[in-house]
Amino acid sequence: MKRRLGNRLQLLTGIMLMMAFLFFTDLLIVGIAAIRYHSVDYQYPQEILTHLSVNNGRYALDEQGAESLLKRGQFAMILGKDGNILWSVALPEELRKTYTLQDVAKFTRYYLEDYPVHSYVFEQGLLVIGGEKDQVWKYTLEFDVNLLNYLAKIVPLLLLSNIVVLVAVPTRIQKRRAKQREEERTEWIAGVSHDIRTPLAIVMGNAEMIAASTREEEVRQRAKSIETQGIWLRRLVDNLNLSGKLEFGAGKFEKQKVRIGRFLRKTLTEIMNQTEDDRYRFTLEIEDSLQDSELCFNEDLVERAVMNLLHNAIRHNADGCKIEMRLYQDSKNHVFLKLSDTGKGVSKELLRRLNSRGYEWEFGTGQHGLGLKIVKQVADWHRWKLFFANGEQGGLACTIRLK
């Protein structure tokens, strides 16, 4: 509990620090944008006056000065002390008039008829330099409209990127931690598996020796029971180890072409030799067209999956049953492997869970659940489709589409 609380506090602290980092990053980006568009590019008044000449009371701006002014999309004019226009360049038509003292007072700081302007006092009168309408936001401060347009574009992107980072990074951290924990669990299971195998082999070897050397039936049966439970325990440990490897990609498995008919006959022969019990009847049916067919899969994984299905049928039908393996194809040339038994089957709830996408083995389900989980994992690893159902004669049936 304390460890979980500590992890949550650590995650919350990380999120808060990340939010602070993103906030200052956003301020930095906005600041850089503001510096880039920090002021409106008005023509410098001294440049205009330098290129402006007066001859007999007539003002004339040379070509270089006019070009510099027009390049910025601006206009300029000089007002005399009486409010009349003494000279102008690119002056809008509605501004060609005589200006009163009140008019001058209005546009000195802000706008002249919605045109943003700057005014400069010099010897001959008042020099007014203005820009285009709707291109400058000007009140107590002045901002180039490009800055506002730029901020309108980047602020939503910044907010969106912040949300993505705040969601993606903690999720990634959690996934990495979960993966690390599961890898540690897989390594622990592998270590335990290794530690168990040696004493388990000794126990099974002694049980086999006792069963072979004694003449007392009760002792022989007890030794046989120890050996049987040892085999089950070894298979359980191996399944736990394999399940962890498949779930977290820890194992290195490769596919190769395998003659499916020969593979199934070999697997079935092995299970029959292990069982040697008349209560269980095994049949294998392979369509003629598939006798020499080759499929690409990992032989060890598929053998484990098939053996798990067969052992599942044996272990959970102590009174015996018929176990059938069938390899066939449909009209679309899809190849199917079906394993079914005539035993007592499984509950509807377990059947529903087995066919669900997120099936997880629970300790309460015993070997039944873990063995079948590995069957699903092997099918998923090969990208095969798999379906569990009630058998036609009772029991459990598993159908795998191999191709």
Protein backbone atom coordinates (compact mmCIF):
# COMPACT_ATOMS: atom_id res chain seq x y z
CA MET A 1 0.00 0.00 0.00
CA LYS A 2 2.77 2.44 0.95
CA ARG A 3 4.68 1.56 -2.20
CA ARG A 4 1.62 2.19 -4.35
CA LEU A 5 0.98 5.54 -2.63
CA GLY A 6 4.63 6.48 -3.13
CA ASN A 7 4.41 5.66 -6.84
CA ARG A 8 1.29 7.81 -7.19
CA LEU A 9 2.92 10.75 -5.40
CA GLN A 10 6.00 10.36 -7.58
CA LEU A 11 3.83 10.34 -10.71
CA LEU A 12 1.86 13.41 -9.52
CA THR A 13 5.09 15.28 -8.77
CA GLY A 14 6.41 14.42 -12.21
CA ILE A 15 3.21 15.72 -13.85
CA MET A 16 3.39 19.01 -11.88
CA LEU A 17 7.03 19.53 -12.83
CA MET A 18 6.19 18.76 -16.44
CA MET A 19 3.33 21.28 -16.40
CA ALA A 20 5.67 23.94 -15.03
CA PHE A 21 8.25 23.13 -17.69
CA LEU A 22 5.63 23.34 -20.45
CA PHE A 23 4.33 26.65 -19.07
CA PHE A 24 7.76 28.29 -19.17
CA THR A 25 8.40 26.78 -22.60
CA ASP A 26 5.17 28.35 -23.87
CA LEU A 27 6.16 31.71 -22.40
CA LEU A 28 9.53 31.45 -24.10
CA ILE A 29 7.92 30.70 -27.48
CA VAL A 30 5.45 33.59 -27.10
CA GLY A 31 8.30 35.88 -26.01
CA ILE A 32 10.37 34.97 -29.06
CA ALA A 33 7.34 35.68 -31.25
CA ALA A 34 6.79 39.03 -29.54
CA ILE A 35 10.45 40.00 -30.02
CA ARG A 36 10.20 39.02 -33.67
CA TYR A 37 7.18 41.29 -34.17
CA HIS A 38 8.01 43.73 -31.37
CA SER A 39 7.19 46.92 -33.26
CA VAL A 40 5.54 48.21 -36.40
CA ASP A 41 8.00 48.97 -39.16
CA TYR A 42 7.24 52.66 -39.80
CA GLN A 43 9.50 54.61 -42.09
CA TYR A 44 12.01 56.49 -39.95
CA PRO A 45 11.10 60.22 -40.17
CA GLN A 46 14.71 61.37 -40.58
CA GLU A 47 15.01 59.16 -43.67
CA ILE A 48 12.02 60.91 -45.23
CA LEU A 49 13.34 64.36 -44.37
CA THR A 50 16.77 63.45 -45.75
CA HIS A 51 15.27 62.53 -49.13
CA LEU A 52 12.79 65.44 -49.06
CA SER A 53 13.75 68.67 -50.80
CA VAL A 54 12.04 72.11 -50.82
CA ASN A 55 12.15 74.42 -53.84
CA ASN A 56 10.15 77.67 -53.80
CA GLY A 57 7.84 76.25 -51.14
CA ARG A 58 7.24 73.04 -53.10
CA TYR A 59 8.21 69.73 -51.51
CA ALA A 60 9.58 66.81 -53.50
CA LEU A 61 10.61 63.33 -52.33
CA ASP A 62 13.30 61.64 -54.40
CA GLU A 63 12.82 58.19 -55.96
CA GLN A 64 14.73 56.29 -53.24
CA GLY A 65 12.63 57.82 -50.44
CA ALA A 66 9.35 57.22 -52.25
CA GLU A 67 10.30 53.60 -53.03
CA SER A 68 11.24 52.94 -49.40
CA LEU A 69 7.92 54.35 -48.20
CA LEU A 70 5.77 52.53 -50.75
CA LYS A 71 7.63 49.27 -50.11
CA ARG A 72 6.26 49.33 -46.58
CA GLY A 73 2.74 50.04 -47.85
CA GLN A 74 2.66 53.37 -46.01
CA PHE A 75 1.80 56.96 -46.78
CA ALA A 76 3.19 60.29 -45.51
CA MET A 77 2.13 63.93 -45.46
CA ILE A 78 3.23 67.26 -44.01
CA LEU A 79 0.69 69.51 -42.40
CA GLY A 80 1.33 73.22 -42.21
CA LYS A 81 0.69 75.28 -39.11
CA ASP A 82 -2.68 76.24 -40.57
CA GLY A 83 -3.73 72.57 -40.94
CA ASN A 84 -3.38 72.46 -44.73
CA ILE A 85 -1.49 69.65 -46.47
CA LEU A 86 1.82 70.95 -47.78
CA TRP A 87 3.01 67.64 -49.26
CA SER A 88 1.94 64.00 -49.39
CA VAL A 89 2.84 60.60 -50.88
CA ALA A 90 0.32 57.77 -51.43
CA LEU A 91 -2.20 59.63 -49.30
CA PRO A 92 -5.67 57.97 -49.28
CA GLU A 93 -8.34 60.12 -50.95
CA GLU A 94 -10.48 60.46 -47.82
CA LEU A 95 -7.55 62.03 -45.96
CA ARG A 96 -7.05 64.89 -48.41
CA LYS A 97 -8.53 67.75 -46.38
CA THR A 98 -7.70 70.55 -44.02
CA TYR A 99 -7.12 69.47 -40.41
CA THR A 100 -8.23 71.34 -37.33
CA LEU A 101 -6.44 71.38 -34.00
CA GLN A 102 -8.98 68.87 -32.67
CA ASP A 103 -8.24 66.50 -35.59
CA VAL A 104 -4.55 66.63 -34.86
CA ALA A 105 -5.15 65.96 -31.18
CA LYS A 106 -7.20 62.87 -32.06
CA PHE A 107 -4.69 61.16 -34.36
CA THR A 108 -1.51 62.16 -32.54
CA ARG A 109 -1.53 58.96 -30.42
CA TYR A 110 -3.74 56.51 -32.25
CA TYR A 111 -5.54 56.55 -35.60
CA LEU A 112 -6.39 58.92 -38.38
CA GLU A 113 -9.70 57.82 -39.88
CA ASP A 114 -8.82 54.17 -38.94
CA TYR A 115 -5.33 54.50 -40.41
CA PRO A 116 -2.58 53.89 -37.82
CA VAL A 117 -0.25 56.87 -37.81
CA HIS A 118 2.82 58.34 -36.18
CA SER A 119 3.31 62.09 -36.07
CA TYR A 120 6.54 64.04 -35.75
CA VAL A 121 6.98 67.77 -35.19
CA PHE A 122 9.64 69.53 -37.25
CA GLU A 123 10.38 73.12 -38.28
CA GLN A 124 7.95 73.43 -41.18
CA GLY A 125 4.99 71.76 -39.44
CA LEU A 126 3.85 68.23 -38.62
CA LEU A 127 5.10 65.12 -40.43
CA VAL A 128 2.50 62.31 -40.39
CA ILE A 129 3.44 58.73 -41.39
CA GLY A 130 0.63 56.20 -41.60
CA GLY A 131 0.01 52.55 -42.51
CA GLU A 132 -2.78 50.51 -44.02
CA LYS A 133 -6.08 49.92 -42.28
CA ASP A 134 -6.50 46.78 -40.10
CA GLN A 135 -2.76 46.08 -40.04
CA VAL A 136 -1.86 47.49 -36.63
CA TRP A 137 -3.47 46.98 -33.24
CA LYS A 138 -2.73 50.27 -31.54
CA TYR A 139 -3.92 51.54 -28.23
CA THR A 140 -1.62 52.09 -25.30
CA LEU A 141 0.65 49.55 -27.03
CA GLU A 142 1.23 48.78 -30.67
CA PHE A 143 1.36 45.26 -32.13
CA ASP A 144 1.92 44.18 -35.66
CA VAL A 145 -1.13 42.25 -36.85
CA ASN A 146 1.27 39.49 -37.94
CA LEU A 147 2.05 38.91 -34.27
CA LEU A 148 -1.62 38.48 -33.40
CA ASN A 149 -2.16 36.19 -36.37
CA TYR A 150 0.91 34.20 -35.40
CA LEU A 151 -0.25 33.87 -31.80
CA ALA A 152 -3.72 32.86 -32.96
CA LYS A 153 -2.07 30.01 -34.83
CA ILE A 154 0.47 28.83 -32.29
CA VAL A 155 -1.47 29.19 -29.03
CA PRO A 156 -3.99 26.41 -29.89
CA LEU A 157 -1.09 24.27 -31.10
CA LEU A 158 0.79 24.92 -27.87
CA LEU A 159 -2.25 24.00 -25.80
CA LEU A 160 -2.81 20.86 -27.88
CA SER A 161 0.83 19.86 -27.65
CA ASN A 162 0.75 20.42 -23.88
CA ILE A 163 -2.27 18.15 -23.55
CA VAL A 164 -0.62 15.49 -25.72
CA VAL A 165 2.60 15.65 -23.69
CA LEU A 166 0.76 15.59 -20.35
CA VAL A 167 -1.19 12.51 -21.47
CA ALA A 168 1.47 10.69 -23.48
CA VAL A 169 4.47 11.05 -21.18
CA PRO A 170 2.83 9.77 -17.95
CA THR A 171 1.22 6.97 -19.98
CA ARG A 172 4.59 6.07 -21.46
CA ILE A 173 6.19 6.14 -18.01
CA GLN A 174 3.46 3.92 -16.61
CA LYS A 175 3.83 1.47 -19.50
CA ARG A 176 7.60 1.36 -19.05
CA ARG A 177 7.18 0.71 -15.34
CA ALA A 178 4.58 -1.96 -15.99
CA LYS A 179 6.81 -3.57 -18.60
CA GLN A 180 9.76 -3.45 -16.22
CA ARG A 181 7.69 -5.07 -13.46
CA GLU A 182 6.48 -7.79 -15.82
CA GLU A 183 9.98 -8.41 -17.11
CA GLU A 184 11.13 -8.77 -13.52
CA ARG A 185 8.26 -11.16 -12.90
CA THR A 186 9.20 -13.16 -15.99
CA GLU A 187 12.82 -13.34 -14.85
CA TRP A 188 11.67 -14.39 -11.38
CA ILE A 189 9.48 -17.15 -12.81
CA ALA A 190 12.36 -18.31 -15.01
CA GLY A 191 14.65 -18.40 -11.96
CA VAL A 192 12.11 -20.28 -9.87
CA SER A 193 11.51 -22.68 -12.75
CA HIS A 194 15.22 -23.42 -12.90
CA ASP A 195 15.42 -23.92 -9.14
CA ILE A 196 12.41 -26.24 -9.09
CA ARG A 197 13.47 -28.51 -11.96
CA THR A 198 16.43 -30.14 -10.15
CA PRO A 199 14.65 -31.21 -6.92
CA LEU A 200 11.55 -32.06 -8.94
CA ALA A 201 13.57 -34.35 -11.19
CA ILE A 202 14.96 -36.09 -8.09
CA VAL A 203 11.46 -36.55 -6.63
CA MET A 204 10.09 -37.93 -9.90
CA GLY A 205 13.09 -40.20 -10.38
CA ASN A 206 12.73 -41.65 -6.87
CA ALA A 207 8.98 -42.09 -7.34
CA GLU A 208 9.57 -43.96 -10.61
CA MET A 209 12.25 -46.13 -8.97
CA ILE A 210 9.99 -46.95 -5.99
CA ALA A 211 7.09 -47.83 -8.30
CA ALA A 212 9.34 -50.16 -10.30
CA SER A 213 11.04 -51.83 -7.34
CA THR A 214 8.17 -52.46 -4.92
CA ARG A 215 5.72 -55.31 -5.03
CA GLU A 216 3.17 -53.66 -2.80
CA GLU A 217 0.32 -52.29 -4.87
CA GLU A 218 -0.50 -49.46 -2.47
CA VAL A 219 3.11 -48.22 -2.43
CA ARG A 220 3.28 -48.50 -6.21
CA GLN A 221 0.09 -46.46 -6.61
CA ARG A 222 1.34 -43.79 -4.21
CA ALA A 223 4.67 -43.56 -6.06
CA LYS A 224 2.80 -43.36 -9.38
CA SER A 225 0.64 -40.57 -7.96
CA ILE A 226 3.76 -38.64 -6.87
CA GLU A 227 5.22 -39.02 -10.36
CA THR A 228 1.97 -37.89 -12.00
CA GLN A 229 1.71 -34.81 -9.79
CA GLY A 230 5.39 -34.07 -10.42
CA ILE A 231 4.76 -34.15 -14.18
CA TRP A 232 1.82 -31.79 -13.71
CA LEU A 233 3.89 -29.45 -11.54
CA ARG A 234 6.72 -29.39 -14.10
CA ARG A 235 4.24 -28.63 -16.87
CA LEU A 236 2.70 -25.83 -14.78
CA VAL A 237 6.08 -24.21 -14.18
CA ASP A 238 7.00 -24.53 -17.86
CA ASN A 239 3.66 -22.98 -18.83
CA LEU A 240 4.18 -20.05 -16.44
CA ASN A 241 7.63 -19.48 -17.89
CA LEU A 242 6.41 -19.65 -21.49
CA SER A 243 3.38 -17.46 -20.80
CA GLY A 244 5.62 -14.68 -19.47
CA LYS A 245 7.91 -14.90 -22.48
CA LEU A 246 5.03 -14.75 -24.96
CA GLU A 247 3.27 -11.92 -23.17
CA PHE A 248 6.30 -9.63 -22.97
CA GLY A 249 8.32 -10.75 -25.97
CA ALA A 250 11.16 -12.11 -23.86
CA GLY A 251 11.64 -15.29 -25.89
CA LYS A 252 13.23 -15.62 -29.31
CA PHE A 253 10.94 -17.76 -31.44
CA GLU A 254 11.32 -18.33 -35.17
CA LYS A 255 8.99 -19.78 -37.78
CA GLN A 256 9.88 -22.48 -40.26
CA LYS A 257 8.05 -24.68 -42.74
CA VAL A 258 6.66 -27.84 -41.13
CA ARG A 259 4.74 -30.76 -42.60
CA ILE A 260 1.60 -30.38 -40.58
CA GLY A 261 0.38 -33.98 -40.99
CA ARG A 262 3.60 -35.54 -39.72
CA PHE A 263 3.78 -32.98 -36.91
CA LEU A 264 0.30 -33.88 -35.65
CA ARG A 265 0.96 -37.63 -35.82
CA LYS A 266 4.18 -37.20 -33.84
CA THR A 267 2.47 -35.06 -31.19
CA LEU A 268 -0.44 -37.44 -30.82
CA THR A 269 1.91 -40.44 -30.52
CA GLU A 270 3.81 -38.67 -27.75
CA ILE A 271 0.67 -37.94 -25.73
CA MET A 272 -0.55 -41.52 -26.17
CA ASN A 273 2.78 -42.87 -24.89
CA GLN A 274 2.57 -40.56 -21.89
CA THR A 275 -1.01 -41.51 -21.07
CA GLU A 276 -1.24 -45.29 -21.65
CA ASP A 277 -4.75 -45.31 -20.25
CA ASP A 278 -7.59 -47.22 -21.90
CA ARG A 279 -10.12 -44.69 -20.66
CA TYR A 280 -8.92 -42.22 -23.29
CA ARG A 281 -9.36 -42.89 -27.00
CA PHE A 282 -7.46 -40.73 -29.48
CA THR A 283 -8.29 -40.23 -33.15
CA LEU A 284 -6.59 -38.16 -35.83
CA GLU A 285 -8.29 -37.26 -39.08
CA ILE A 286 -6.39 -35.45 -41.84
CA GLU A 287 -7.91 -34.64 -45.21
CA ASP A 288 -6.10 -36.26 -48.11
CA SER A 289 -5.28 -32.90 -49.69
CA LEU A 290 -3.42 -31.85 -46.52
CA GLN A 291 -1.37 -35.00 -45.91
CA ASP A 292 1.80 -33.50 -47.38
CA SER A 293 0.90 -29.85 -46.82
CA GLU A 294 3.51 -27.54 -45.27
CA LEU A 295 2.72 -24.59 -43.03
CA CYS A 296 5.04 -21.96 -41.58
CA PHE A 297 5.01 -21.85 -37.78
CA ASN A 298 7.16 -22.32 -34.70
CA GLU A 299 7.08 -26.05 -34.03
CA ASP A 300 7.92 -25.83 -30.32
CA LEU A 301 5.18 -23.29 -29.58
CA VAL A 302 2.50 -25.10 -31.55
CA GLU A 303 3.50 -28.42 -29.99
CA ARG A 304 3.09 -26.86 -26.54
CA ALA A 305 -0.33 -25.46 -27.51
CA VAL A 306 -1.56 -28.80 -28.89
CA MET A 307 -0.17 -30.70 -25.89
CA ASN A 308 -1.91 -28.25 -23.55
CA LEU A 309 -5.24 -28.88 -25.28
CA LEU A 310 -4.74 -32.64 -25.08
CA HIS A 311 -3.59 -32.57 -21.44
CA ASN A 312 -6.52 -30.29 -20.65
CA ALA A 313 -8.94 -32.88 -22.02
CA ILE A 314 -7.24 -35.68 -20.07
CA ARG A 315 -6.83 -33.89 -16.75
CA HIS A 316 -10.40 -32.58 -16.55
CA ASN A 317 -12.10 -35.79 -17.63
CA ALA A 318 -10.96 -38.32 -15.06
CA ASP A 319 -13.64 -40.80 -16.12
CA GLY A 320 -12.23 -40.94 -19.62
CA CYS A 321 -13.39 -39.52 -22.96
CA LYS A 322 -12.79 -39.59 -26.67
CA ILE A 323 -10.28 -37.00 -27.92
CA GLU A 324 -10.31 -36.12 -31.59
CA MET A 325 -7.88 -34.09 -33.72
CA ARG A 326 -9.05 -33.05 -37.16
CA LEU A 327 -7.19 -31.17 -39.90
CA TYR A 328 -9.35 -29.92 -42.75
CA GLN A 329 -9.94 -27.01 -45.13
CA ASP A 330 -13.03 -25.19 -46.28
CA SER A 331 -14.18 -24.00 -49.70
CA LYS A 332 -11.96 -20.90 -49.41
CA ASN A 333 -8.87 -23.08 -48.85
CA HIS A 334 -8.59 -21.99 -45.24
CA VAL A 335 -6.85 -24.68 -43.17
CA PHE A 336 -8.33 -25.51 -39.76
CA LEU A 337 -7.16 -27.63 -36.84
CA LYS A 338 -9.92 -28.74 -34.50
CA LEU A 339 -9.32 -30.50 -31.18
CA SER A 340 -12.38 -31.72 -29.30
CA ASP A 341 -13.31 -34.13 -26.55
CA THR A 342 -16.49 -35.79 -25.36
CA GLY A 343 -15.91 -34.95 -21.69
CA LYS A 344 -17.79 -32.70 -19.30
CA GLY A 345 -16.70 -29.44 -20.96
CA VAL A 346 -16.53 -26.04 -19.27
CA SER A 347 -19.01 -23.55 -17.87
CA LYS A 348 -20.64 -20.94 -20.09
CA GLU A 349 -18.88 -18.19 -18.16
CA LEU A 350 -15.43 -19.71 -18.73
CA LEU A 351 -16.33 -20.32 -22.37
CA ARG A 352 -17.27 -16.65 -22.74
CA ARG A 353 -14.01 -15.58 -21.09
CA LEU A 354 -11.95 -17.92 -23.27
CA ASN A 355 -13.39 -16.30 -26.41
CA SER A 356 -12.95 -12.77 -25.10
CA ARG A 357 -10.07 -10.73 -26.44
CA GLY A 358 -8.63 -9.86 -23.02
CA TYR A 359 -8.73 -13.33 -21.44
CA GLU A 360 -6.46 -13.60 -18.42
CA TRP A 361 -5.58 -16.69 -16.45
CA GLU A 362 -6.60 -16.63 -12.80
CA PHE A 363 -5.12 -18.87 -10.13
CA GLY A 364 -8.62 -19.99 -9.23
CA THR A 365 -9.03 -21.66 -12.62
CA GLY A 366 -5.95 -23.82 -12.10
CA GLN A 367 -4.09 -25.54 -14.91
CA HIS A 368 -7.29 -25.42 -16.92
CA GLY A 369 -6.96 -21.65 -17.39
CA LEU A 370 -3.19 -21.33 -17.79
CA GLY A 371 -2.88 -24.08 -20.39
CA LEU A 372 -5.66 -22.57 -22.48
CA LYS A 373 -4.23 -19.08 -22.06
CA ILE A 374 -0.98 -20.30 -23.62
CA VAL A 375 -3.00 -21.79 -26.49
CA LYS A 376 -4.47 -18.33 -27.11
CA GLN A 377 -1.04 -16.68 -26.78
CA VAL A 378 0.51 -19.08 -29.30
CA ALA A 379 -2.37 -18.43 -31.73
CA ASP A 380 -1.97 -14.66 -31.29
CA TRP A 381 1.79 -14.90 -31.82
CA HIS A 382 1.16 -16.67 -35.15
CA ARG A 383 -1.75 -14.29 -35.96
CA TRP A 384 -4.14 -17.23 -36.14
CA LYS A 385 -7.82 -17.06 -35.34
CA LEU A 386 -9.03 -19.27 -32.52
CA PHE A 387 -12.46 -20.15 -31.15
CA PHE A 388 -13.65 -22.29 -28.23
CA ALA A 389 -17.07 -23.91 -28.27
CA ASN A 390 -19.06 -26.77 -26.79
CA GLY A 391 -18.32 -30.04 -28.58
CA GLU A 392 -20.95 -31.72 -30.74
CA GLN A 393 -20.92 -34.70 -28.36
CA GLY A 394 -20.33 -32.63 -25.25
CA GLY A 395 -16.98 -31.54 -23.93
CA LEU A 396 -14.82 -28.70 -25.20
CA ALA A 397 -13.83 -27.99 -28.80
CA CYS A 398 -11.07 -25.63 -29.94
CA THR A 399 -10.86 -24.59 -33.59
CA ILE A 400 -7.76 -22.81 -34.91
CA ARG A 401 -7.53 -21.33 -38.41
CA LEU A 402 -3.95 -22.01 -39.43
CA LYS A 403 -4.10 -20.48 -42.89
